[in-house]
Amino acid sequence: MYTYIAHKPLLTCLLAVFLGPFAAIHAQGPAQPAIACLEISGKVSYKDKEADNTCKVELICYNSVVDSAIIKHNKTFKFLLGRGAYYTIRISKKGYVTRWVSICTNMNVPADDDGFYRYHFDTDLIPDMEAKELDADALEFPIAIISFDTQAGWFYYNEAYTSNIKREIYKKTARP
């Protein structure tokens, strides 16, 4: 019995050494896909250009931030996205409503097709003061969903979704 107790700490240490790296990988979630298929860029505009002239743009893959940038008003950011994954771009600035853009890089093309695409979008941030007059629930949804259009052969945003979400956001301010 004494030898079992003496070996227990040793066994715990050995398990931690051998299983530790696997636990760390599992805790982080899946890594960003390695094969880049899309360069996404964007430009962010906002009203208050004088105070803090920067905003934060984050690329999220599988609920983990994989890249980020601090950009100035009307300056462009760029991220490389891997094939076959779901991404979110989160754009935030103090005093403004956080904006979301969702991107799906699943493409119905042969795996050996090494096509590389580019997509650019512009967005405006909404000041918190103006947001009080808007639908708060609708502001929680992405403003756009971008995916591969197999018929057109490139990435494009879902126009119907964006139109509907904008209608929901601004429906409180619409006059009867």
C-alpha atoms as a PDB file:
ATOM      1  CA  MET A   1       0.000   0.000   0.000  1.00  0.00           C
ATOM      2  CA  TYR A   2       2.854   2.348   0.764  1.00  0.00           C
ATOM      3  CA  THR A   3       4.445   1.855  -2.671  1.00  0.00           C
ATOM      4  CA  TYR A   4       1.110   2.589  -4.434  1.00  0.00           C
ATOM      5  CA  ILE A   5       0.815   5.924  -2.644  1.00  0.00           C
ATOM      6  CA  ALA A   6       4.433   6.755  -3.481  1.00  0.00           C
ATOM      7  CA  HIS A   7       3.878   6.049  -7.173  1.00  0.00           C
ATOM      8  CA  LYS A   8       0.621   7.964  -7.424  1.00  0.00           C
ATOM      9  CA  PRO A   9       2.292  11.407  -7.717  1.00  0.00           C
ATOM     10  CA  LEU A  10       4.771   9.967 -10.208  1.00  0.00           C
ATOM     11  CA  LEU A  11       1.941   8.479 -12.280  1.00  0.00           C
ATOM     12  CA  THR A  12       0.070  11.803 -12.205  1.00  0.00           C
ATOM     13  CA  CYS A  13       3.174  13.659 -13.397  1.00  0.00           C
ATOM     14  CA  LEU A  14       3.761  11.170 -16.219  1.00  0.00           C
ATOM     15  CA  LEU A  15       0.142  11.425 -17.374  1.00  0.00           C
ATOM     16  CA  ALA A  16       0.348  15.216 -17.315  1.00  0.00           C
ATOM     17  CA  VAL A  17       3.538  15.175 -19.377  1.00  0.00           C
ATOM     18  CA  PHE A  18       2.194  12.771 -22.007  1.00  0.00           C
ATOM     19  CA  LEU A  19      -1.423  13.948 -22.187  1.00  0.00           C
ATOM     20  CA  GLY A  20      -0.856  17.667 -21.598  1.00  0.00           C
ATOM     21  CA  PRO A  21      -0.193  18.595 -25.239  1.00  0.00           C
ATOM     22  CA  PHE A  22      -3.345  16.780 -26.354  1.00  0.00           C
ATOM     23  CA  ALA A  23      -5.438  18.587 -23.758  1.00  0.00           C
ATOM     24  CA  ALA A  24      -4.047  21.943 -24.915  1.00  0.00           C
ATOM     25  CA  ILE A  25      -4.857  21.191 -28.559  1.00  0.00           C
ATOM     26  CA  HIS A  26      -8.367  20.075 -27.662  1.00  0.00           C
ATOM     27  CA  ALA A  27      -8.965  23.168 -25.533  1.00  0.00           C
ATOM     28  CA  GLN A  28      -7.974  25.482 -28.391  1.00  0.00           C
ATOM     29  CA  GLY A  29     -10.348  23.832 -30.864  1.00  0.00           C
ATOM     30  CA  PRO A  30      -9.622  23.066 -34.494  1.00  0.00           C
ATOM     31  CA  ALA A  31      -6.895  25.092 -36.154  1.00  0.00           C
ATOM     32  CA  GLN A  32      -7.548  27.415 -39.063  1.00  0.00           C
ATOM     33  CA  PRO A  33      -7.429  25.448 -42.347  1.00  0.00           C
ATOM     34  CA  ALA A  34      -3.989  25.600 -43.970  1.00  0.00           C
ATOM     35  CA  ILE A  35      -4.949  25.942 -47.642  1.00  0.00           C
ATOM     36  CA  ALA A  36      -5.868  29.583 -48.298  1.00  0.00           C
ATOM     37  CA  CYS A  37      -8.612  30.077 -50.855  1.00  0.00           C
ATOM     38  CA  LEU A  38      -9.880  33.578 -50.133  1.00  0.00           C
ATOM     39  CA  GLU A  39      -8.337  36.952 -49.437  1.00  0.00           C
ATOM     40  CA  ILE A  40     -11.038  39.046 -47.822  1.00  0.00           C
ATOM     41  CA  SER A  41     -10.552  42.756 -47.407  1.00  0.00           C
ATOM     42  CA  GLY A  42     -12.729  45.537 -46.153  1.00  0.00           C
ATOM     43  CA  LYS A  43     -12.959  49.182 -45.337  1.00  0.00           C
ATOM     44  CA  VAL A  44     -14.668  50.482 -42.196  1.00  0.00           C
ATOM     45  CA  SER A  45     -16.211  53.954 -41.895  1.00  0.00           C
ATOM     46  CA  TYR A  46     -17.592  55.711 -38.827  1.00  0.00           C
ATOM     47  CA  LYS A  47     -18.730  59.200 -37.942  1.00  0.00           C
ATOM     48  CA  ASP A  48     -16.332  60.273 -35.189  1.00  0.00           C
ATOM     49  CA  LYS A  49     -13.030  60.506 -37.020  1.00  0.00           C
ATOM     50  CA  GLU A  50     -11.354  62.816 -34.533  1.00  0.00           C
ATOM     51  CA  ALA A  51     -11.371  61.075 -31.126  1.00  0.00           C
ATOM     52  CA  ASP A  52     -10.005  57.522 -31.290  1.00  0.00           C
ATOM     53  CA  ASN A  53      -9.301  57.125 -34.980  1.00  0.00           C
ATOM     54  CA  THR A  54      -9.017  53.311 -34.886  1.00  0.00           C
ATOM     55  CA  CYS A  55     -11.227  50.254 -34.733  1.00  0.00           C
ATOM     56  CA  LYS A  56     -10.484  46.596 -34.117  1.00  0.00           C
ATOM     57  CA  VAL A  57     -11.164  43.948 -36.767  1.00  0.00           C
ATOM     58  CA  GLU A  58     -10.925  40.295 -35.724  1.00  0.00           C
ATOM     59  CA  LEU A  59     -11.039  37.122 -37.795  1.00  0.00           C
ATOM     60  CA  ILE A  60     -12.706  34.298 -35.899  1.00  0.00           C
ATOM     61  CA  CYS A  61     -12.572  30.639 -36.945  1.00  0.00           C
ATOM     62  CA  TYR A  62     -14.283  27.952 -34.866  1.00  0.00           C
ATOM     63  CA  ASN A  63     -14.877  30.428 -32.016  1.00  0.00           C
ATOM     64  CA  SER A  64     -11.195  31.369 -31.749  1.00  0.00           C
ATOM     65  CA  VAL A  65      -9.632  34.633 -32.871  1.00  0.00           C
ATOM     66  CA  VAL A  66      -7.051  33.616 -35.491  1.00  0.00           C
ATOM     67  CA  ASP A  67      -6.042  37.077 -36.713  1.00  0.00           C
ATOM     68  CA  SER A  68      -6.761  40.706 -35.918  1.00  0.00           C
ATOM     69  CA  ALA A  69      -5.952  44.211 -37.046  1.00  0.00           C
ATOM     70  CA  ILE A  70      -6.266  47.721 -35.697  1.00  0.00           C
ATOM     71  CA  ILE A  71      -7.188  50.014 -38.563  1.00  0.00           C
ATOM     72  CA  LYS A  72      -7.815  53.709 -38.996  1.00  0.00           C
ATOM     73  CA  HIS A  73     -10.952  55.264 -40.439  1.00  0.00           C
ATOM     74  CA  ASN A  74     -11.453  54.358 -44.113  1.00  0.00           C
ATOM     75  CA  LYS A  75      -8.314  52.194 -44.214  1.00  0.00           C
ATOM     76  CA  THR A  76      -8.350  48.657 -45.602  1.00  0.00           C
ATOM     77  CA  PHE A  77      -7.794  45.417 -43.694  1.00  0.00           C
ATOM     78  CA  LYS A  78      -6.992  42.024 -45.255  1.00  0.00           C
ATOM     79  CA  PHE A  79      -7.205  38.445 -44.026  1.00  0.00           C
ATOM     80  CA  LEU A  80      -6.424  35.107 -45.671  1.00  0.00           C
ATOM     81  CA  LEU A  81      -9.095  32.460 -45.146  1.00  0.00           C
ATOM     82  CA  GLY A  82      -8.617  28.731 -45.454  1.00  0.00           C
ATOM     83  CA  ARG A  83     -10.760  26.436 -47.536  1.00  0.00           C
ATOM     84  CA  GLY A  84     -13.681  24.506 -46.034  1.00  0.00           C
ATOM     85  CA  ALA A  85     -14.306  26.516 -42.870  1.00  0.00           C
ATOM     86  CA  TYR A  86     -16.702  28.971 -41.266  1.00  0.00           C
ATOM     87  CA  TYR A  87     -15.389  32.393 -40.303  1.00  0.00           C
ATOM     88  CA  THR A  88     -16.723  35.514 -38.679  1.00  0.00           C
ATOM     89  CA  ILE A  89     -15.263  38.977 -38.923  1.00  0.00           C
ATOM     90  CA  ARG A  90     -15.993  41.093 -35.855  1.00  0.00           C
ATOM     91  CA  ILE A  91     -15.588  44.854 -36.231  1.00  0.00           C
ATOM     92  CA  SER A  92     -15.646  46.815 -32.984  1.00  0.00           C
ATOM     93  CA  LYS A  93     -14.990  50.335 -31.768  1.00  0.00           C
ATOM     94  CA  LYS A  94     -15.779  51.957 -28.440  1.00  0.00           C
ATOM     95  CA  GLY A  95     -19.009  53.949 -28.690  1.00  0.00           C
ATOM     96  CA  TYR A  96     -20.240  52.005 -31.726  1.00  0.00           C
ATOM     97  CA  VAL A  97     -22.314  48.890 -32.325  1.00  0.00           C
ATOM     98  CA  THR A  98     -20.178  45.821 -33.077  1.00  0.00           C
ATOM     99  CA  ARG A  99     -20.715  44.550 -36.626  1.00  0.00           C
ATOM    100  CA  TRP A 100     -20.421  40.932 -37.769  1.00  0.00           C
ATOM    101  CA  VAL A 101     -19.809  39.410 -41.199  1.00  0.00           C
ATOM    102  CA  SER A 102     -20.053  35.630 -41.687  1.00  0.00           C
ATOM    103  CA  ILE A 103     -18.050  33.795 -44.322  1.00  0.00           C
ATOM    104  CA  CYS A 104     -18.304  30.172 -45.434  1.00  0.00           C
ATOM    105  CA  THR A 105     -15.368  28.911 -47.493  1.00  0.00           C
ATOM    106  CA  ASN A 106     -16.906  25.554 -48.407  1.00  0.00           C
ATOM    107  CA  MET A 107     -16.696  25.324 -52.184  1.00  0.00           C
ATOM    108  CA  ASN A 108     -18.268  22.703 -54.433  1.00  0.00           C
ATOM    109  CA  VAL A 109     -15.201  22.431 -56.624  1.00  0.00           C
ATOM    110  CA  PRO A 110     -12.699  19.577 -56.912  1.00  0.00           C
ATOM    111  CA  ALA A 111     -10.209  19.386 -54.046  1.00  0.00           C
ATOM    112  CA  ASP A 112      -7.305  19.744 -56.483  1.00  0.00           C
ATOM    113  CA  ASP A 113      -8.727  23.046 -57.766  1.00  0.00           C
ATOM    114  CA  ASP A 114      -6.291  25.513 -56.243  1.00  0.00           C
ATOM    115  CA  GLY A 115      -8.358  28.580 -57.144  1.00  0.00           C
ATOM    116  CA  PHE A 116      -7.643  31.673 -55.106  1.00  0.00           C
ATOM    117  CA  TYR A 117     -10.331  34.349 -54.790  1.00  0.00           C
ATOM    118  CA  ARG A 118     -10.562  37.899 -53.512  1.00  0.00           C
ATOM    119  CA  TYR A 119     -13.552  39.634 -51.963  1.00  0.00           C
ATOM    120  CA  HIS A 120     -13.864  43.214 -50.707  1.00  0.00           C
ATOM    121  CA  PHE A 121     -16.630  44.888 -48.712  1.00  0.00           C
ATOM    122  CA  ASP A 122     -17.241  48.268 -47.107  1.00  0.00           C
ATOM    123  CA  THR A 123     -19.241  48.787 -43.947  1.00  0.00           C
ATOM    124  CA  ASP A 124     -20.300  51.670 -41.732  1.00  0.00           C
ATOM    125  CA  LEU A 125     -20.355  51.466 -37.954  1.00  0.00           C
ATOM    126  CA  ILE A 126     -23.440  52.726 -36.145  1.00  0.00           C
ATOM    127  CA  PRO A 127     -22.909  54.978 -33.097  1.00  0.00           C
ATOM    128  CA  ASP A 128     -24.394  53.614 -29.852  1.00  0.00           C
ATOM    129  CA  MET A 129     -26.562  56.735 -29.543  1.00  0.00           C
ATOM    130  CA  GLU A 130     -28.237  56.070 -32.895  1.00  0.00           C
ATOM    131  CA  ALA A 131     -28.602  52.368 -32.112  1.00  0.00           C
ATOM    132  CA  LYS A 132     -31.131  53.126 -29.367  1.00  0.00           C
ATOM    133  CA  GLU A 133     -33.660  53.863 -32.115  1.00  0.00           C
ATOM    134  CA  LEU A 134     -32.880  50.597 -33.951  1.00  0.00           C
ATOM    135  CA  ASP A 135     -33.901  46.969 -33.379  1.00  0.00           C
ATOM    136  CA  ALA A 136     -31.334  45.690 -30.853  1.00  0.00           C
ATOM    137  CA  ASP A 137     -32.077  42.020 -31.594  1.00  0.00           C
ATOM    138  CA  ALA A 138     -31.449  42.438 -35.324  1.00  0.00           C
ATOM    139  CA  LEU A 139     -28.137  44.203 -34.611  1.00  0.00           C
ATOM    140  CA  GLU A 140     -26.862  40.976 -33.008  1.00  0.00           C
ATOM    141  CA  PHE A 141     -26.975  39.141 -36.359  1.00  0.00           C
ATOM    142  CA  PRO A 142     -24.280  39.350 -39.051  1.00  0.00           C
ATOM    143  CA  ILE A 143     -24.879  42.161 -41.513  1.00  0.00           C
ATOM    144  CA  ALA A 144     -23.779  39.897 -44.376  1.00  0.00           C
ATOM    145  CA  ILE A 145     -23.205  36.234 -45.175  1.00  0.00           C
ATOM    146  CA  ILE A 146     -20.552  35.580 -47.790  1.00  0.00           C
ATOM    147  CA  SER A 147     -20.176  32.202 -49.495  1.00  0.00           C
ATOM    148  CA  PHE A 148     -19.033  30.614 -52.729  1.00  0.00           C
ATOM    149  CA  ASP A 149     -21.565  30.941 -55.556  1.00  0.00           C
ATOM    150  CA  THR A 150     -21.071  27.805 -57.665  1.00  0.00           C
ATOM    151  CA  GLN A 151     -23.038  29.185 -60.620  1.00  0.00           C
ATOM    152  CA  ALA A 152     -21.054  32.419 -60.790  1.00  0.00           C
ATOM    153  CA  GLY A 153     -17.769  30.781 -59.785  1.00  0.00           C
ATOM    154  CA  TRP A 154     -16.760  33.311 -57.101  1.00  0.00           C
ATOM    155  CA  PHE A 155     -17.530  34.466 -53.558  1.00  0.00           C
ATOM    156  CA  TYR A 156     -20.529  36.737 -53.120  1.00  0.00           C
ATOM    157  CA  TYR A 157     -22.792  37.939 -50.337  1.00  0.00           C
ATOM    158  CA  ASN A 158     -26.384  36.774 -49.899  1.00  0.00           C
ATOM    159  CA  GLU A 159     -28.280  39.843 -51.112  1.00  0.00           C
ATOM    160  CA  ALA A 160     -31.679  38.677 -49.824  1.00  0.00           C
ATOM    161  CA  TYR A 161     -30.305  38.066 -46.315  1.00  0.00           C
ATOM    162  CA  THR A 162     -28.527  41.456 -46.147  1.00  0.00           C
ATOM    163  CA  SER A 163     -31.617  43.250 -47.403  1.00  0.00           C
ATOM    164  CA  ASN A 164     -33.824  41.502 -44.826  1.00  0.00           C
ATOM    165  CA  ILE A 165     -31.478  42.123 -41.899  1.00  0.00           C
ATOM    166  CA  LYS A 166     -31.171  45.815 -42.805  1.00  0.00           C
ATOM    167  CA  ARG A 167     -34.967  46.038 -43.008  1.00  0.00           C
ATOM    168  CA  GLU A 168     -35.219  44.478 -39.523  1.00  0.00           C
ATOM    169  CA  ILE A 169     -32.564  46.767 -38.069  1.00  0.00           C
ATOM    170  CA  TYR A 170     -34.231  49.930 -39.342  1.00  0.00           C
ATOM    171  CA  LYS A 171     -37.895  48.907 -39.049  1.00  0.00           C
ATOM    172  CA  LYS A 172     -38.383  50.918 -35.822  1.00  0.00           C
ATOM    173  CA  THR A 173     -37.353  54.086 -37.636  1.00  0.00           C
ATOM    174  CA  ALA A 174     -39.547  53.449 -40.690  1.00  0.00           C
ATOM    175  CA  ARG A 175     -42.546  55.730 -40.894  1.00  0.00           C
ATOM    176  CA  PRO A 176     -46.006  54.203 -41.456  1.00  0.00           C
END
